[in-house]
Structures are given as structure tokens and as C-alpha cells.
Amino acid sequence: MEWLRQLYEMLTTQEGLEQLFSQVEQIGVIVGFLLVVLESLLPFLPLFLFVIVNINSYGLILGFLASYSGTVLGSYIVFLAVRYFLRAPSQRYIARHERLQKMLSFIDRRGFSFLFILLCLPFTPSAVINVIAALSNMKKIVYLYILIAAKAIMIMSMSLVGNDVTSFFTSPLQLTLSIIVLVLLYLFSKWYQNYIKRKMDD
């Protein structure tokens, strides 16, 4: 199991991470872009990890642009696919589930600001938001505007937290601050999702 030991050392040492980022940089930024697009289509993939790799491999500006454009494009592809191919067949299912009807009605009435804030948060299940927005009556161009604005904030927050992760090995304070920011973002994300659920029940 030599390869497992090498992988562990690469991911848990400063030298290993620097080597990983160097190898990714040599592959080309288009790969980082495509990985983020793929994450939108396969949401079990780790977006945060892809963003961190992009930022540390290609630099803050280029890594941000690759991650940002990739997640906007991937999310909008999912939205359009559901809107054009699944929305009509799902109407009967929606009609049988009152909770889903209330959710879609809420999105139609007040969805812009709520979706914008949700999509700004790193721990929001973006794939679910894409599907719900596609099933609603929200205009396609409006959802694109939301994605363009919200994803910029989300990817920037990830980039700032994950920038120069190799320095975590020499700066425990920076690592601690990054962990605190992530925990706060996670807690706020969960609180806001529960807040929206209460609003839909009003």
C-alpha cells in the first residue's frame, strides 16, 4: 500500500501540498474549470476542495475566475435541464405534495432575495436550490442574475479561507481563524435554512 502512504504524505505535509498544486498547475486551468462544472452536475463531489486546489494552483485571481465561471455555468446547466426536461413531467408529483407546492409558491412570491442569500453561503446544497428554482415560475434570466451575483460572493469566501493553505503548517493562528470562519458560515447557513422553512409555514 505504498501509494496510500504517498497520498497521505502529499495531503498532510507542506511539501506534499506544494507538489500537488504544482502538478495541477502544469495540467492547465481548464481542468480546474471543468472539475467545478462537473461538481454542479454531480453534487456529491467536494466543491470546497476543488476551489482550494484551483486557488492554490493557479493563483487567487485565475483560480477564482476558473471556480466562479465553472460553478455558474454548471448550476445554470442543471437549472435549464430541469426546466426544459423535468418540469412538465413533475407537475403531477408536485400536485400531490402540499409541502412542495408551498415551497414553490414561496419561491414565486419572495424567492429572489432568499435564493440570493442561500447561494452566497458555502454550505447551502446548491444542487437542490437549482432544481427547486427550475421547478418554480422564476424567469430564466432572473435566476442567471442571482447565480452571477451570489456565486461570486460564495467562491470569494471560499477563496479567502482556502488561499495559501500550505501556510497553515507554519501559522496555527491562520488555521484557527479559517476554521472559526468555516464554523460560523456553517452555523449561519443552517440557521438561515431553518428561517426559510419557518417563513414558508407562516
Protein backbone atom coordinates (compact mmCIF):
# COMPACT_ATOMS: atom_id res chain seq x y z
CA MET A 1 0.00 0.00 0.00
CA GLU A 2 2.86 2.34 -0.82
CA TRP A 3 0.63 4.61 -2.90
CA LEU A 4 -1.66 5.20 0.10
CA ARG A 5 1.30 6.27 2.21
CA GLN A 6 2.47 8.63 -0.54
CA LEU A 7 -1.02 10.09 -0.92
CA TYR A 8 -1.28 10.62 2.83
CA GLU A 9 2.07 12.40 2.91
CA MET A 10 1.09 14.56 -0.06
CA LEU A 11 -2.14 15.71 1.60
CA THR A 12 -0.80 16.17 5.13
CA THR A 13 2.57 17.84 4.63
CA GLN A 14 3.52 21.29 3.35
CA GLU A 15 5.93 19.84 0.80
CA GLY A 16 3.33 17.35 -0.40
CA LEU A 17 0.67 20.00 -0.94
CA GLU A 18 3.11 22.27 -2.75
CA GLN A 19 3.98 19.36 -5.03
CA LEU A 20 0.27 18.63 -5.63
CA PHE A 21 -0.52 22.24 -6.52
CA SER A 22 2.48 22.37 -8.83
CA GLN A 23 1.33 19.25 -10.67
CA VAL A 24 -2.22 20.57 -11.02
CA GLU A 25 -0.88 23.88 -12.36
CA GLN A 26 1.01 22.01 -15.08
CA ILE A 27 -2.18 20.25 -16.22
CA GLY A 28 -3.85 23.57 -17.03
CA VAL A 29 -6.57 25.80 -15.64
CA ILE A 30 -9.22 24.32 -17.94
CA VAL A 31 -9.13 21.15 -15.82
CA GLY A 32 -9.89 23.14 -12.67
CA PHE A 33 -12.76 24.84 -14.51
CA LEU A 34 -14.21 21.53 -15.74
CA LEU A 35 -13.98 19.95 -12.28
CA VAL A 36 -16.13 22.73 -10.83
CA VAL A 37 -18.64 22.38 -13.67
CA LEU A 38 -18.74 18.64 -13.00
CA GLU A 39 -19.42 19.26 -9.29
CA SER A 40 -22.64 21.08 -10.22
CA LEU A 41 -23.78 18.03 -12.17
CA LEU A 42 -22.54 15.56 -9.52
CA PRO A 43 -23.12 17.39 -6.21
CA PHE A 44 -21.53 14.69 -4.05
CA LEU A 45 -18.15 15.95 -5.33
CA PRO A 46 -16.34 18.37 -2.96
CA LEU A 47 -16.68 21.91 -4.36
CA PHE A 48 -14.70 23.43 -1.49
CA LEU A 49 -11.76 21.12 -2.24
CA PHE A 50 -11.82 21.99 -5.95
CA VAL A 51 -11.86 25.72 -5.17
CA ILE A 52 -8.94 25.37 -2.75
CA VAL A 53 -6.92 23.42 -5.32
CA ASN A 54 -7.70 25.99 -8.03
CA ILE A 55 -6.79 28.95 -5.84
CA ASN A 56 -3.51 27.44 -4.67
CA SER A 57 -2.55 26.05 -8.08
CA TYR A 58 -3.42 28.94 -10.39
CA GLY A 59 -3.31 31.93 -8.04
CA LEU A 60 -6.07 33.91 -6.38
CA ILE A 61 -7.35 35.71 -9.48
CA LEU A 62 -7.16 32.94 -12.09
CA GLY A 63 -8.21 30.28 -9.58
CA PHE A 64 -11.20 32.38 -8.55
CA LEU A 65 -12.26 33.00 -12.16
CA ALA A 66 -11.99 29.29 -13.04
CA SER A 67 -14.02 28.26 -9.99
CA TYR A 68 -16.57 31.07 -10.30
CA SER A 69 -17.28 30.65 -14.02
CA GLY A 70 -17.39 26.87 -13.61
CA THR A 71 -19.95 26.88 -10.81
CA VAL A 72 -22.17 29.48 -12.52
CA LEU A 73 -22.13 27.54 -15.79
CA GLY A 74 -22.69 24.17 -14.11
CA SER A 75 -25.52 25.44 -11.93
CA TYR A 76 -27.27 27.08 -14.87
CA ILE A 77 -26.95 23.90 -16.95
CA VAL A 78 -28.71 21.98 -14.17
CA PHE A 79 -31.39 24.69 -13.93
CA LEU A 80 -32.07 24.66 -17.68
CA ALA A 81 -32.05 20.86 -17.89
CA VAL A 82 -34.66 20.56 -15.14
CA ARG A 83 -36.71 23.47 -16.52
CA TYR A 84 -36.91 22.06 -20.05
CA PHE A 85 -36.97 18.31 -19.47
CA LEU A 86 -38.31 17.60 -15.98
CA ARG A 87 -40.60 20.49 -15.03
CA ALA A 88 -43.64 19.41 -17.05
CA PRO A 89 -43.46 15.68 -16.12
CA SER A 90 -43.10 16.57 -12.43
CA GLN A 91 -46.31 18.63 -12.20
CA ARG A 92 -48.42 15.66 -11.17
CA TYR A 93 -45.95 14.78 -8.43
CA ILE A 94 -45.90 18.38 -7.21
CA ALA A 95 -49.71 18.49 -7.11
CA ARG A 96 -49.74 15.55 -4.67
CA HIS A 97 -47.29 17.14 -2.20
CA GLU A 98 -48.56 20.19 -0.37
CA ARG A 99 -45.16 20.96 1.17
CA LEU A 100 -43.55 21.17 -2.26
CA GLN A 101 -46.39 23.35 -3.55
CA LYS A 102 -45.89 25.78 -0.66
CA MET A 103 -42.16 25.86 -1.31
CA LEU A 104 -42.58 26.68 -5.00
CA SER A 105 -45.24 29.27 -4.22
CA PHE A 106 -42.87 30.87 -1.73
CA ILE A 107 -40.12 30.99 -4.37
CA ASP A 108 -42.51 32.60 -6.87
CA ARG A 109 -43.52 35.29 -4.37
CA ARG A 110 -40.31 36.04 -2.47
CA GLY A 111 -37.62 33.90 -3.98
CA PHE A 112 -35.13 36.44 -5.29
CA SER A 113 -33.65 37.65 -2.00
CA PHE A 114 -33.91 34.28 -0.24
CA LEU A 115 -32.25 32.36 -3.09
CA PHE A 116 -29.54 35.01 -3.39
CA ILE A 117 -28.58 34.72 0.28
CA LEU A 118 -28.74 30.91 0.23
CA LEU A 119 -26.47 30.68 -2.80
CA CYS A 120 -23.96 33.05 -1.20
CA LEU A 121 -23.39 30.56 1.62
CA PRO A 122 -20.78 27.82 1.06
CA PHE A 123 -22.73 25.11 2.90
CA THR A 124 -26.03 25.52 1.03
CA PRO A 125 -26.96 22.45 -1.07
CA SER A 126 -26.75 24.33 -4.38
CA ALA A 127 -27.96 21.37 -6.42
CA VAL A 128 -31.25 21.35 -4.50
CA ILE A 129 -31.64 25.11 -4.99
CA ASN A 130 -31.04 24.74 -8.74
CA VAL A 131 -33.77 22.11 -9.03
CA ILE A 132 -36.31 23.99 -6.88
CA ALA A 133 -35.73 27.22 -8.81
CA ALA A 134 -36.17 25.35 -12.11
CA LEU A 135 -39.49 23.86 -10.95
CA SER A 136 -40.77 27.30 -9.92
CA ASN A 137 -42.02 30.05 -12.21
CA MET A 138 -38.89 32.15 -11.79
CA LYS A 139 -37.70 33.56 -15.11
CA LYS A 140 -34.54 32.05 -16.55
CA ILE A 141 -32.74 35.38 -16.83
CA VAL A 142 -33.59 36.27 -13.23
CA TYR A 143 -32.06 33.05 -11.92
CA LEU A 144 -28.97 33.66 -14.05
CA TYR A 145 -28.59 37.11 -12.44
CA ILE A 146 -28.90 35.51 -8.99
CA LEU A 147 -26.22 32.93 -9.83
CA ILE A 148 -23.83 35.54 -11.23
CA ALA A 149 -24.08 37.71 -8.12
CA ALA A 150 -24.39 35.07 -5.38
CA LYS A 151 -21.75 32.65 -6.67
CA ALA A 152 -19.20 35.46 -6.81
CA ILE A 153 -19.64 36.01 -3.07
CA MET A 154 -19.64 32.28 -2.30
CA ILE A 155 -16.49 31.47 -4.28
CA MET A 156 -14.72 34.55 -2.93
CA SER A 157 -15.42 33.47 0.65
CA MET A 158 -14.07 30.00 -0.10
CA SER A 159 -11.04 31.50 -1.82
CA LEU A 160 -10.16 33.78 1.07
CA VAL A 161 -10.46 30.94 3.60
CA GLY A 162 -8.53 28.43 1.49
CA ASN A 163 -5.89 30.71 -0.01
CA ASP A 164 -2.31 29.61 0.69
CA VAL A 165 -3.27 26.52 2.70
CA THR A 166 0.37 25.48 2.91
CA SER A 167 0.92 28.36 5.35
CA PHE A 168 -1.38 26.56 7.81
CA PHE A 169 1.58 24.33 8.69
CA THR A 170 3.63 27.31 9.89
CA SER A 171 0.82 29.58 11.13
CA PRO A 172 -1.55 27.90 13.61
CA LEU A 173 -3.33 31.23 14.09
CA GLN A 174 -4.29 31.41 10.41
CA LEU A 175 -5.53 27.82 10.53
CA THR A 176 -7.56 28.54 13.67
CA LEU A 177 -9.13 31.66 12.15
CA SER A 178 -10.05 29.76 8.97
CA ILE A 179 -11.71 27.01 11.00
CA ILE A 180 -13.66 29.58 13.03
CA VAL A 181 -14.88 31.31 9.86
CA LEU A 182 -15.99 27.98 8.39
CA VAL A 183 -17.86 27.02 11.54
CA LEU A 184 -19.60 30.41 11.66
CA LEU A 185 -20.59 30.15 7.99
CA TYR A 186 -21.90 26.64 8.56
CA LEU A 187 -23.97 27.68 11.58
CA PHE A 188 -25.38 30.71 9.79
CA SER A 189 -26.22 28.58 6.75
CA LYS A 190 -28.16 26.11 8.91
CA TRP A 191 -29.93 28.91 10.78
CA TYR A 192 -30.96 30.61 7.55
CA GLN A 193 -32.29 27.39 6.03
CA ASN A 194 -34.43 26.86 9.15
CA TYR A 195 -35.53 30.51 8.97
CA ILE A 196 -36.78 29.99 5.41
CA LYS A 197 -38.67 26.85 6.48
CA ARG A 198 -40.45 28.85 9.18
CA LYS A 199 -41.29 31.60 6.67
CA MET A 200 -42.82 29.05 4.30
CA ASP A 201 -45.01 27.74 7.13
CA ASP A 202 -46.33 31.20 8.03
